[in-house]
Amino acid sequence: MRIVDTGTAQLSNAEVLSRIRDLRSRWKEREAQARERNSSLRSRPGNLISVMENVEHRLTRPEAPTPLAGPTAYNPATAIPMLCQRLKPYRLTKPELLQISNLRPWKITHMTLVIEDFEARFSEEQQREIVMVVYEVLGGTEYPKFEESEEMEETEAEQVNGITNGVT
């Protein structure tokens, strides 16, 4: 994807990372050309450089793998279009697809936070299919688990009710 104007659309984390790396490589080239010509360049604000370094570090840090780093990193150039194509039958919105590509949710409970009215819009089978498509295309650190028994749900509900009622 070619970014014409970075202020006009929402970008995925992969596109932001690509843009930052592209800008840094262009700056290095310009600095090298300026050194060859013995001319000076406009200095860049120090806070801009530190923000760009911080964003790049957060998107690629191996100690807390994100979809763009670690052993389960995916190639955004091929994975995101494939993800959009495979999720097309579910009629997800562009912001929902963007969040899925950025967060790579691997549980149904995670999907409920990313997709509006997830449980109302999709049957249990469709919910599982969506999670599996995300896992198959984007990979993940954990294999999706769908074994939520009614007992577990009841226990979680009791814990939530205990917390809200002041009982621990």
Protein backbone atom coordinates (compact mmCIF):
# COMPACT_ATOMS: atom_id res chain seq x y z
CA MET A 1 0.00 0.00 0.00
CA ARG A 2 1.33 3.44 -0.92
CA ILE A 3 0.68 6.13 1.68
CA VAL A 4 -0.03 9.40 -0.14
CA ASP A 5 -1.03 11.55 2.84
CA THR A 6 -0.58 10.03 6.29
CA GLY A 7 -3.23 12.28 7.83
CA THR A 8 -6.24 11.12 5.81
CA ALA A 9 -6.86 7.52 6.84
CA GLN A 10 -6.45 5.08 9.66
CA LEU A 11 -3.31 3.03 9.32
CA SER A 12 -2.59 -0.43 10.59
CA ASN A 13 0.34 -0.97 12.92
CA ALA A 14 2.17 -2.62 10.01
CA GLU A 15 1.70 0.47 7.84
CA VAL A 16 2.87 2.76 10.66
CA LEU A 17 5.98 0.63 11.17
CA SER A 18 6.66 0.60 7.44
CA ARG A 19 6.25 4.38 7.24
CA ILE A 20 8.63 4.98 10.16
CA ARG A 21 11.27 2.70 8.67
CA ASP A 22 10.87 4.34 5.27
CA LEU A 23 11.30 7.84 6.74
CA ARG A 24 14.36 6.81 8.72
CA SER A 25 16.02 5.26 5.65
CA ARG A 26 15.28 8.38 3.57
CA TRP A 27 16.77 10.59 6.29
CA LYS A 28 19.92 8.45 6.38
CA GLU A 29 20.26 8.74 2.60
CA ARG A 30 19.85 12.53 2.73
CA GLU A 31 22.39 12.79 5.54
CA ALA A 32 24.89 10.73 3.54
CA GLN A 33 24.33 12.91 0.45
CA ALA A 34 24.76 16.06 2.54
CA ARG A 35 28.04 14.74 3.98
CA GLU A 36 29.31 14.01 0.45
CA ARG A 37 28.51 17.58 -0.60
CA ASN A 38 29.80 19.06 2.67
CA SER A 39 26.45 20.77 3.18
CA SER A 40 24.19 20.81 6.20
CA LEU A 41 20.66 19.50 6.64
CA ARG A 42 17.84 20.93 8.64
CA SER A 43 17.90 19.30 12.03
CA ARG A 44 14.97 17.18 13.03
CA PRO A 45 13.25 17.77 16.34
CA GLY A 46 14.68 15.47 18.99
CA ASN A 47 11.22 14.59 20.27
CA LEU A 48 10.16 13.43 16.78
CA ILE A 49 13.08 11.06 16.57
CA SER A 50 12.47 9.72 20.09
CA VAL A 51 8.75 9.22 19.38
CA MET A 52 9.53 7.34 16.19
CA GLU A 53 12.08 5.15 17.99
CA ASN A 54 9.59 4.48 20.81
CA VAL A 55 6.80 3.50 18.39
CA GLU A 56 9.13 1.24 16.43
CA HIS A 57 10.33 -0.41 19.65
CA ARG A 58 6.78 -1.01 20.90
CA LEU A 59 5.70 -2.54 17.59
CA THR A 60 8.69 -4.87 17.34
CA ARG A 61 9.73 -5.71 20.90
CA PRO A 62 10.45 -9.42 21.26
CA GLU A 63 9.83 -9.63 25.02
CA ALA A 64 6.09 -9.01 24.56
CA PRO A 65 5.41 -10.24 21.02
CA THR A 66 3.02 -8.24 18.96
CA PRO A 67 1.68 -9.44 15.62
CA LEU A 68 4.68 -7.74 13.96
CA ALA A 69 7.42 -9.21 16.17
CA GLY A 70 8.61 -12.40 17.70
CA PRO A 71 8.53 -15.92 16.38
CA THR A 72 4.90 -15.63 15.26
CA ALA A 73 5.26 -12.43 13.23
CA TYR A 74 3.34 -12.29 9.97
CA ASN A 75 4.06 -10.59 6.67
CA PRO A 76 1.55 -7.70 6.48
CA ALA A 77 1.90 -7.34 2.71
CA THR A 78 0.38 -10.76 2.13
CA ALA A 79 -1.45 -11.54 5.37
CA ILE A 80 -3.72 -8.49 5.65
CA PRO A 81 -5.20 -8.79 2.12
CA MET A 82 -5.67 -12.53 2.69
CA LEU A 83 -7.34 -11.86 6.05
CA CYS A 84 -9.74 -9.35 4.47
CA GLN A 85 -10.59 -11.81 1.69
CA ARG A 86 -11.21 -14.74 4.04
CA LEU A 87 -13.34 -12.64 6.42
CA LYS A 88 -15.37 -11.04 3.60
CA PRO A 89 -18.38 -13.38 4.04
CA TYR A 90 -18.79 -12.11 7.61
CA ARG A 91 -19.22 -8.49 6.46
CA LEU A 92 -16.90 -6.95 9.04
CA THR A 93 -16.33 -3.21 8.93
CA LYS A 94 -12.98 -1.68 8.00
CA PRO A 95 -12.27 -0.56 11.58
CA GLU A 96 -13.01 -4.08 12.83
CA LEU A 97 -10.61 -5.58 10.27
CA LEU A 98 -7.99 -3.00 11.22
CA GLN A 99 -8.28 -3.89 14.91
CA ILE A 100 -8.08 -7.60 14.13
CA SER A 101 -4.88 -7.11 12.11
CA ASN A 102 -3.38 -4.92 14.86
CA LEU A 103 -4.33 -7.06 17.87
CA ARG A 104 -4.56 -10.58 16.43
CA PRO A 105 -7.23 -11.78 18.90
CA TRP A 106 -7.12 -15.53 19.50
CA LYS A 107 -10.15 -16.04 21.75
CA ILE A 108 -13.84 -15.41 21.33
CA THR A 109 -13.75 -13.17 24.40
CA HIS A 110 -11.09 -11.05 22.70
CA MET A 111 -13.20 -10.84 19.55
CA THR A 112 -16.13 -9.44 21.54
CA LEU A 113 -13.92 -6.46 22.38
CA VAL A 114 -12.89 -5.93 18.77
CA ILE A 115 -16.08 -6.66 16.82
CA GLU A 116 -19.22 -4.75 17.70
CA ASP A 117 -22.13 -6.99 18.79
CA PHE A 118 -20.00 -10.04 18.04
CA GLU A 119 -22.19 -12.48 19.95
CA ALA A 120 -25.41 -11.06 18.50
CA ARG A 121 -24.19 -10.84 14.89
CA PHE A 122 -22.65 -14.29 14.64
CA SER A 123 -23.61 -17.80 15.69
CA GLU A 124 -21.23 -19.80 17.89
CA GLU A 125 -20.01 -21.69 14.84
CA GLN A 126 -19.34 -18.47 12.93
CA GLN A 127 -17.53 -17.02 15.95
CA ARG A 128 -15.24 -20.03 16.03
CA GLU A 129 -14.70 -19.83 12.27
CA ILE A 130 -13.68 -16.15 12.53
CA VAL A 131 -11.21 -16.89 15.33
CA MET A 132 -9.75 -19.79 13.34
CA VAL A 133 -9.38 -17.67 10.19
CA VAL A 134 -7.48 -15.05 12.20
CA TYR A 135 -5.25 -17.75 13.68
CA GLU A 136 -4.63 -19.43 10.32
CA VAL A 137 -3.79 -16.20 8.51
CA LEU A 138 -2.03 -14.14 11.19
CA GLY A 139 -0.70 -16.95 13.35
CA GLY A 140 -0.53 -16.54 17.08
CA THR A 141 1.15 -17.43 20.31
CA GLU A 142 -1.63 -19.76 21.45
CA TYR A 143 -3.89 -22.14 19.58
CA PRO A 144 -7.52 -20.97 19.93
CA LYS A 145 -9.45 -22.81 22.64
CA PHE A 146 -13.21 -23.15 22.48
CA GLU A 147 -13.82 -25.42 25.47
CA GLU A 148 -15.73 -23.01 27.68
CA SER A 149 -18.08 -25.07 29.77
CA GLU A 150 -21.18 -23.75 31.45
CA GLU A 151 -19.56 -24.43 34.83
CA MET A 152 -16.66 -22.11 33.99
CA GLU A 153 -19.05 -19.40 32.88
CA GLU A 154 -21.09 -19.79 36.07
CA THR A 155 -17.94 -19.59 38.21
CA GLU A 156 -16.82 -16.45 36.39
CA ALA A 157 -20.29 -14.92 36.82
CA GLU A 158 -20.23 -15.73 40.54
CA GLN A 159 -16.79 -14.12 40.86
CA VAL A 160 -17.98 -10.98 39.09
CA ASN A 161 -21.13 -10.83 41.24
CA GLY A 162 -19.02 -11.32 44.38
CA ILE A 163 -16.77 -8.44 43.41
CA THR A 164 -19.64 -6.12 42.57
CA ASN A 165 -21.49 -7.03 45.79
CA GLY A 166 -18.39 -6.50 47.90
CA VAL A 167 -17.94 -10.20 48.67
CA THR A 168 -14.59 -11.82 47.92
